[in-house]
Structures are given as structure tokens and as C-alpha cells.
Amino acid sequence: MIEVVRAAELGESYRRGIAEVFIDGFGPDFSYFSKDPAKLTDALEHALVLDLFYVALLEGRPAGITACTDGRQPSFRHDKRELRRHLGLYKGTVADFGFRREFSKSLPYAREGMASLEFVATGAAYRGRGVATALLTHLLALPQYDEYVLAEISDINTPALRLYEKLGFREFERTKVRHTQQTGINYYISMRLVQA
């Protein structure tokens, strides 16, 4: 059975497992800094704001994660010293600059009653078992929100896009990227679900 819990309720002892799921999902996006998942986990686990993450537990272990914010709060808050310690001076500095630019901005359309769902990821060992569906279904039932947004999903992440459409999300924005040759990504797609 899949249980969904706020990461802050699980506490710091679960941080490493949550970060491992994060890297399972997003490690390829950070491969410039390192191709070693353990090194990336060491470098980034401190940056996950546990108060804003929900965790799907399967067999008592973190199997999936999603941050749920108001579109203004950052769910990823890094310390440049930690990045430099684990990634080295040069790559740590590049990561600091890139993460500040990418992860500290608010959504321009954020409003009261809107939730921004961020960093949806399922651990590699748990894929195909309904983890992401259970996690998102739980979040879509939160009474304080009437609109949910998933911003900047890569167009090559077909399984995620299919899942979001199945849950009722619809595309509302498509942004061309400049790094297609390096990443294979052509567009970032943003989707929303408005509940009646």
C-alpha cells in the first residue's frame, strides 16, 4: 500500500532517501555537474525544503516525491558552500549561479488557491507501480487549492506528460529552449488543472 506523508513529518532521518528519489528523477538534468548519483545526492540533499515536499512511501521507504508550493516559495534552497564542497569550486560556483536563476523565481501567475507542483519524481525501483498517481491524487484532494500547475516539464518526458493528461491537466504554455543540442529537449511545457 502507498502512503503519502509530508516530508517534514518524516523528519531529517528520511532526507537522504528523499534526495535519492530526487536524483533518480532529475539526475540526468544535473549530469553536467556529475554523472555519479551518490555525489549528486551528497551535493543536493541539503537543498530540498522538506516543509514543502510530500513523499509516497512504499514498504516504508520513499518511493516518490513532489513539492507543493504556492508558486512563490522556493522548494529548493541551496547553500553555495555545500555545492562547492561536493562539486568543486568551479562546478559548485556554476551550480550556485544556475540554481539561483532557475529555482528562486516565483511563478508570475501565482495566486491564492493555486498550488505549484514541482519536482515530481518516482524512484527507479518503484516505477510502474502507481506511485506518482497516488501522490498526485493525494495532492489534488487538498481542500485549500482549486487550481494546480505543473511548470516547465520537458517535452521528451512522455510518461510524465501522459500521466498529467490522464489526471486532467492541460497544456497552457510552451517555451522553446536554447539547449536542444545538449539535452534533446525542444520545449518546456506547462500544464494546469482547474477544479470546479
C-alpha atoms as a PDB file:
ATOM      1  CA  MET A   1       0.000   0.000   0.000  1.00  0.00           C
ATOM      2  CA  ILE A   2       1.214   3.500  -0.854  1.00  0.00           C
ATOM      3  CA  GLU A   3       1.070   6.046   1.967  1.00  0.00           C
ATOM      4  CA  VAL A   4       1.522   9.771   1.274  1.00  0.00           C
ATOM      5  CA  VAL A   5       3.088  11.863   4.047  1.00  0.00           C
ATOM      6  CA  ARG A   6       4.537  15.349   4.329  1.00  0.00           C
ATOM      7  CA  ALA A   7       8.326  15.113   4.272  1.00  0.00           C
ATOM      8  CA  ALA A   8       8.621  17.360   7.334  1.00  0.00           C
ATOM      9  CA  GLU A   9       6.589  14.820   9.339  1.00  0.00           C
ATOM     10  CA  LEU A  10       9.061  12.103   8.394  1.00  0.00           C
ATOM     11  CA  GLY A  11      11.946  14.281   9.573  1.00  0.00           C
ATOM     12  CA  GLU A  12      15.612  14.609   8.772  1.00  0.00           C
ATOM     13  CA  SER A  13      16.276  10.866   9.016  1.00  0.00           C
ATOM     14  CA  TYR A  14      14.398  10.487   5.704  1.00  0.00           C
ATOM     15  CA  ARG A  15      16.217  13.326   3.909  1.00  0.00           C
ATOM     16  CA  ARG A  16      18.771  11.040   2.249  1.00  0.00           C
ATOM     17  CA  GLY A  17      16.110   8.666   0.895  1.00  0.00           C
ATOM     18  CA  ILE A  18      14.051  11.606  -0.385  1.00  0.00           C
ATOM     19  CA  ALA A  19      17.143  13.060  -2.071  1.00  0.00           C
ATOM     20  CA  GLU A  20      17.897   9.697  -3.706  1.00  0.00           C
ATOM     21  CA  VAL A  21      14.422   9.715  -5.284  1.00  0.00           C
ATOM     22  CA  PHE A  22      15.051  13.323  -6.388  1.00  0.00           C
ATOM     23  CA  ILE A  23      18.286  12.259  -8.105  1.00  0.00           C
ATOM     24  CA  ASP A  24      16.626   9.176  -9.641  1.00  0.00           C
ATOM     25  CA  GLY A  25      14.163  11.567 -11.255  1.00  0.00           C
ATOM     26  CA  PHE A  26      16.358  14.539 -12.060  1.00  0.00           C
ATOM     27  CA  GLY A  27      19.934  13.245 -12.044  1.00  0.00           C
ATOM     28  CA  PRO A  28      20.206  13.444 -15.847  1.00  0.00           C
ATOM     29  CA  ASP A  29      19.324  17.165 -15.626  1.00  0.00           C
ATOM     30  CA  PHE A  30      22.323  17.664 -13.320  1.00  0.00           C
ATOM     31  CA  SER A  31      24.754  15.386 -15.198  1.00  0.00           C
ATOM     32  CA  TYR A  32      26.981  18.335 -16.168  1.00  0.00           C
ATOM     33  CA  PHE A  33      27.965  18.575 -12.508  1.00  0.00           C
ATOM     34  CA  SER A  34      28.468  14.837 -12.026  1.00  0.00           C
ATOM     35  CA  LYS A  35      27.339  11.560 -13.535  1.00  0.00           C
ATOM     36  CA  ASP A  36      27.678   9.857 -10.130  1.00  0.00           C
ATOM     37  CA  PRO A  37      24.244   9.678  -8.428  1.00  0.00           C
ATOM     38  CA  ALA A  38      25.779   9.393  -4.939  1.00  0.00           C
ATOM     39  CA  LYS A  39      27.857  12.537  -5.489  1.00  0.00           C
ATOM     40  CA  LEU A  40      24.798  14.447  -6.760  1.00  0.00           C
ATOM     41  CA  THR A  41      22.793  13.250  -3.770  1.00  0.00           C
ATOM     42  CA  ASP A  42      25.554  14.425  -1.419  1.00  0.00           C
ATOM     43  CA  ALA A  43      25.622  17.819  -3.145  1.00  0.00           C
ATOM     44  CA  LEU A  44      21.869  18.452  -3.345  1.00  0.00           C
ATOM     45  CA  GLU A  45      20.162  16.729  -0.420  1.00  0.00           C
ATOM     46  CA  HIS A  46      20.565  19.815   1.792  1.00  0.00           C
ATOM     47  CA  ALA A  47      18.662  21.972  -0.725  1.00  0.00           C
ATOM     48  CA  LEU A  48      15.284  20.210  -0.565  1.00  0.00           C
ATOM     49  CA  VAL A  49      12.863  22.191   1.628  1.00  0.00           C
ATOM     50  CA  LEU A  50      11.185  19.331   3.488  1.00  0.00           C
ATOM     51  CA  ASP A  51       8.302  21.536   4.689  1.00  0.00           C
ATOM     52  CA  LEU A  52       7.119  21.745   1.063  1.00  0.00           C
ATOM     53  CA  PHE A  53       7.624  18.141  -0.096  1.00  0.00           C
ATOM     54  CA  TYR A  54       5.237  15.217   0.058  1.00  0.00           C
ATOM     55  CA  VAL A  55       6.563  11.669  -0.013  1.00  0.00           C
ATOM     56  CA  ALA A  56       4.913   8.479  -1.233  1.00  0.00           C
ATOM     57  CA  LEU A  57       6.073   5.632   0.986  1.00  0.00           C
ATOM     58  CA  LEU A  58       6.052   2.061  -0.248  1.00  0.00           C
ATOM     59  CA  GLU A  59       7.190  -0.631   2.161  1.00  0.00           C
ATOM     60  CA  GLY A  60       8.156   2.225   4.497  1.00  0.00           C
ATOM     61  CA  ARG A  61      10.647   3.703   2.037  1.00  0.00           C
ATOM     62  CA  PRO A  62      10.482   6.902  -0.034  1.00  0.00           C
ATOM     63  CA  ALA A  63       9.242   5.788  -3.453  1.00  0.00           C
ATOM     64  CA  GLY A  64       8.072   9.103  -4.907  1.00  0.00           C
ATOM     65  CA  ILE A  65       8.229  12.824  -4.141  1.00  0.00           C
ATOM     66  CA  THR A  66       6.539  16.054  -5.133  1.00  0.00           C
ATOM     67  CA  ALA A  67       6.870  19.575  -3.776  1.00  0.00           C
ATOM     68  CA  CYS A  68       3.645  21.526  -3.349  1.00  0.00           C
ATOM     69  CA  THR A  69       4.061  25.300  -3.030  1.00  0.00           C
ATOM     70  CA  ASP A  70       2.042  28.455  -3.557  1.00  0.00           C
ATOM     71  CA  GLY A  71       4.179  29.322  -6.593  1.00  0.00           C
ATOM     72  CA  ARG A  72       6.125  31.926  -4.616  1.00  0.00           C
ATOM     73  CA  GLN A  73       8.030  29.843  -2.062  1.00  0.00           C
ATOM     74  CA  PRO A  74      11.136  28.031  -3.299  1.00  0.00           C
ATOM     75  CA  SER A  75      11.081  24.283  -2.668  1.00  0.00           C
ATOM     76  CA  PHE A  76      14.804  24.103  -3.498  1.00  0.00           C
ATOM     77  CA  ARG A  77      17.082  26.343  -1.414  1.00  0.00           C
ATOM     78  CA  HIS A  78      20.777  25.597  -1.777  1.00  0.00           C
ATOM     79  CA  ASP A  79      23.907  26.662   0.064  1.00  0.00           C
ATOM     80  CA  LYS A  80      26.756  27.516  -2.315  1.00  0.00           C
ATOM     81  CA  ARG A  81      29.338  26.293   0.202  1.00  0.00           C
ATOM     82  CA  GLU A  82      27.753  22.826   0.160  1.00  0.00           C
ATOM     83  CA  LEU A  83      27.719  22.817  -3.639  1.00  0.00           C
ATOM     84  CA  ARG A  84      31.399  23.786  -3.774  1.00  0.00           C
ATOM     85  CA  ARG A  85      32.312  21.225  -1.116  1.00  0.00           C
ATOM     86  CA  HIS A  86      30.790  18.355  -3.097  1.00  0.00           C
ATOM     87  CA  LEU A  87      31.162  19.527  -6.703  1.00  0.00           C
ATOM     88  CA  GLY A  88      34.400  21.514  -6.502  1.00  0.00           C
ATOM     89  CA  LEU A  89      34.998  25.239  -6.746  1.00  0.00           C
ATOM     90  CA  TYR A  90      34.259  25.663 -10.452  1.00  0.00           C
ATOM     91  CA  LYS A  91      31.233  23.379 -10.861  1.00  0.00           C
ATOM     92  CA  GLY A  92      29.894  24.374  -7.442  1.00  0.00           C
ATOM     93  CA  THR A  93      30.033  28.045  -8.466  1.00  0.00           C
ATOM     94  CA  VAL A  94      28.335  27.311 -11.795  1.00  0.00           C
ATOM     95  CA  ALA A  95      25.643  25.309  -9.952  1.00  0.00           C
ATOM     96  CA  ASP A  96      25.108  28.157  -7.476  1.00  0.00           C
ATOM     97  CA  PHE A  97      24.585  30.657 -10.282  1.00  0.00           C
ATOM     98  CA  GLY A  98      22.322  28.356 -12.306  1.00  0.00           C
ATOM     99  CA  PHE A  99      20.223  27.227  -9.347  1.00  0.00           C
ATOM    100  CA  ARG A 100      19.703  30.800  -8.139  1.00  0.00           C
ATOM    101  CA  ARG A 101      18.489  31.757 -11.597  1.00  0.00           C
ATOM    102  CA  GLU A 102      16.333  28.658 -12.108  1.00  0.00           C
ATOM    103  CA  PHE A 103      14.902  27.779  -8.700  1.00  0.00           C
ATOM    104  CA  SER A 104      14.399  31.091  -6.902  1.00  0.00           C
ATOM    105  CA  LYS A 105      11.885  32.705  -9.235  1.00  0.00           C
ATOM    106  CA  SER A 106       8.189  32.933  -8.451  1.00  0.00           C
ATOM    107  CA  LEU A 107       5.524  31.981 -10.937  1.00  0.00           C
ATOM    108  CA  PRO A 108       4.161  35.199 -12.493  1.00  0.00           C
ATOM    109  CA  TYR A 109       0.604  33.843 -12.350  1.00  0.00           C
ATOM    110  CA  ALA A 110       0.731  32.630  -8.713  1.00  0.00           C
ATOM    111  CA  ARG A 111      -2.412  33.447  -6.765  1.00  0.00           C
ATOM    112  CA  GLU A 112      -4.279  32.462  -3.613  1.00  0.00           C
ATOM    113  CA  GLY A 113      -5.768  28.986  -4.035  1.00  0.00           C
ATOM    114  CA  MET A 114      -3.244  27.874  -6.652  1.00  0.00           C
ATOM    115  CA  ALA A 115      -0.712  25.109  -5.985  1.00  0.00           C
ATOM    116  CA  SER A 116       2.514  24.692  -7.899  1.00  0.00           C
ATOM    117  CA  LEU A 117       3.514  21.010  -8.079  1.00  0.00           C
ATOM    118  CA  GLU A 118       7.264  20.722  -8.503  1.00  0.00           C
ATOM    119  CA  PHE A 119       9.897  18.010  -8.771  1.00  0.00           C
ATOM    120  CA  VAL A 120       7.530  15.096  -9.358  1.00  0.00           C
ATOM    121  CA  ALA A 121       9.754  12.012  -9.273  1.00  0.00           C
ATOM    122  CA  THR A 122       9.492   8.271  -8.686  1.00  0.00           C
ATOM    123  CA  GLY A 123      12.436   6.172  -7.558  1.00  0.00           C
ATOM    124  CA  ALA A 124      13.725   3.866 -10.286  1.00  0.00           C
ATOM    125  CA  ALA A 125      12.924   0.724  -8.271  1.00  0.00           C
ATOM    126  CA  TYR A 126       9.282   1.784  -7.856  1.00  0.00           C
ATOM    127  CA  ARG A 127       8.314   2.902 -11.366  1.00  0.00           C
ATOM    128  CA  GLY A 128       5.221   1.367 -12.915  1.00  0.00           C
ATOM    129  CA  ARG A 129       3.596   0.714  -9.533  1.00  0.00           C
ATOM    130  CA  GLY A 130       1.239   3.719  -9.362  1.00  0.00           C
ATOM    131  CA  VAL A 131       3.415   5.793  -7.031  1.00  0.00           C
ATOM    132  CA  ALA A 132       3.201   9.098  -8.924  1.00  0.00           C
ATOM    133  CA  THR A 133      -0.539   8.619  -9.499  1.00  0.00           C
ATOM    134  CA  ALA A 134      -1.142   8.028  -5.768  1.00  0.00           C
ATOM    135  CA  LEU A 135       0.984  11.011  -4.802  1.00  0.00           C
ATOM    136  CA  LEU A 136      -0.658  13.419  -7.238  1.00  0.00           C
ATOM    137  CA  THR A 137      -4.164  12.140  -6.452  1.00  0.00           C
ATOM    138  CA  HIS A 138      -3.488  12.873  -2.785  1.00  0.00           C
ATOM    139  CA  LEU A 139      -2.352  16.423  -3.584  1.00  0.00           C
ATOM    140  CA  LEU A 140      -5.306  17.070  -5.915  1.00  0.00           C
ATOM    141  CA  ALA A 141      -7.624  16.344  -2.974  1.00  0.00           C
ATOM    142  CA  LEU A 142      -6.135  19.065  -0.725  1.00  0.00           C
ATOM    143  CA  PRO A 143      -9.050  21.391   0.113  1.00  0.00           C
ATOM    144  CA  GLN A 144      -7.116  24.680   0.102  1.00  0.00           C
ATOM    145  CA  TYR A 145      -6.452  24.598  -3.668  1.00  0.00           C
ATOM    146  CA  ASP A 146      -8.745  24.988  -6.676  1.00  0.00           C
ATOM    147  CA  GLU A 147      -6.001  25.134  -9.299  1.00  0.00           C
ATOM    148  CA  TYR A 148      -2.820  23.115  -9.773  1.00  0.00           C
ATOM    149  CA  VAL A 149       0.098  23.993 -12.039  1.00  0.00           C
ATOM    150  CA  LEU A 150       2.987  21.864 -13.286  1.00  0.00           C
ATOM    151  CA  ALA A 151       5.511  24.280 -14.815  1.00  0.00           C
ATOM    152  CA  GLU A 152       8.306  23.531 -17.273  1.00  0.00           C
ATOM    153  CA  ILE A 153       8.013  19.817 -17.998  1.00  0.00           C
ATOM    154  CA  SER A 154      10.432  18.757 -20.718  1.00  0.00           C
ATOM    155  CA  ASP A 155       8.702  17.735 -23.930  1.00  0.00           C
ATOM    156  CA  ILE A 156      10.723  14.496 -24.030  1.00  0.00           C
ATOM    157  CA  ASN A 157       9.294  13.331 -20.683  1.00  0.00           C
ATOM    158  CA  THR A 158       6.448  11.491 -22.394  1.00  0.00           C
ATOM    159  CA  PRO A 159       5.451   9.235 -19.442  1.00  0.00           C
ATOM    160  CA  ALA A 160       5.001  12.255 -17.164  1.00  0.00           C
ATOM    161  CA  LEU A 161       3.052  14.222 -19.768  1.00  0.00           C
ATOM    162  CA  ARG A 162       0.729  11.241 -20.331  1.00  0.00           C
ATOM    163  CA  LEU A 163       0.141  10.822 -16.601  1.00  0.00           C
ATOM    164  CA  TYR A 164      -0.646  14.510 -16.112  1.00  0.00           C
ATOM    165  CA  GLU A 165      -3.105  14.471 -19.017  1.00  0.00           C
ATOM    166  CA  LYS A 166      -4.767  11.341 -17.589  1.00  0.00           C
ATOM    167  CA  LEU A 167      -5.235  13.181 -14.281  1.00  0.00           C
ATOM    168  CA  GLY A 168      -6.901  16.110 -16.086  1.00  0.00           C
ATOM    169  CA  PHE A 169      -4.032  18.571 -16.606  1.00  0.00           C
ATOM    170  CA  ARG A 170      -3.990  20.538 -19.859  1.00  0.00           C
ATOM    171  CA  GLU A 171      -1.153  22.414 -21.540  1.00  0.00           C
ATOM    172  CA  PHE A 172      -1.336  26.193 -21.266  1.00  0.00           C
ATOM    173  CA  GLU A 173       2.189  27.288 -22.153  1.00  0.00           C
ATOM    174  CA  ARG A 174       5.065  26.022 -24.291  1.00  0.00           C
ATOM    175  CA  THR A 175       8.506  27.640 -24.117  1.00  0.00           C
ATOM    176  CA  LYS A 176      11.295  26.961 -26.635  1.00  0.00           C
ATOM    177  CA  VAL A 177      14.654  26.134 -25.034  1.00  0.00           C
ATOM    178  CA  ARG A 178      18.148  27.069 -26.217  1.00  0.00           C
ATOM    179  CA  HIS A 179      19.873  23.879 -25.114  1.00  0.00           C
ATOM    180  CA  THR A 180      18.222  21.387 -27.510  1.00  0.00           C
ATOM    181  CA  GLN A 181      21.555  20.117 -28.868  1.00  0.00           C
ATOM    182  CA  GLN A 182      22.885  19.385 -25.367  1.00  0.00           C
ATOM    183  CA  THR A 183      19.716  17.942 -23.799  1.00  0.00           C
ATOM    184  CA  GLY A 184      17.418  16.809 -26.604  1.00  0.00           C
ATOM    185  CA  ILE A 185      14.659  18.959 -25.090  1.00  0.00           C
ATOM    186  CA  ASN A 186      12.827  21.200 -27.575  1.00  0.00           C
ATOM    187  CA  TYR A 187      10.247  22.823 -25.301  1.00  0.00           C
ATOM    188  CA  TYR A 188       9.235  23.172 -21.684  1.00  0.00           C
ATOM    189  CA  ILE A 189       5.519  22.558 -21.342  1.00  0.00           C
ATOM    190  CA  SER A 190       3.426  23.993 -18.511  1.00  0.00           C
ATOM    191  CA  MET A 191       0.124  22.380 -17.580  1.00  0.00           C
ATOM    192  CA  ARG A 192      -2.763  23.287 -15.296  1.00  0.00           C
ATOM    193  CA  LEU A 193      -5.792  21.656 -13.776  1.00  0.00           C
ATOM    194  CA  VAL A 194      -8.650  23.846 -12.565  1.00  0.00           C
ATOM    195  CA  GLN A 195     -11.158  22.148 -10.291  1.00  0.00           C
ATOM    196  CA  ALA A 196     -14.827  23.092 -10.447  1.00  0.00           C
END
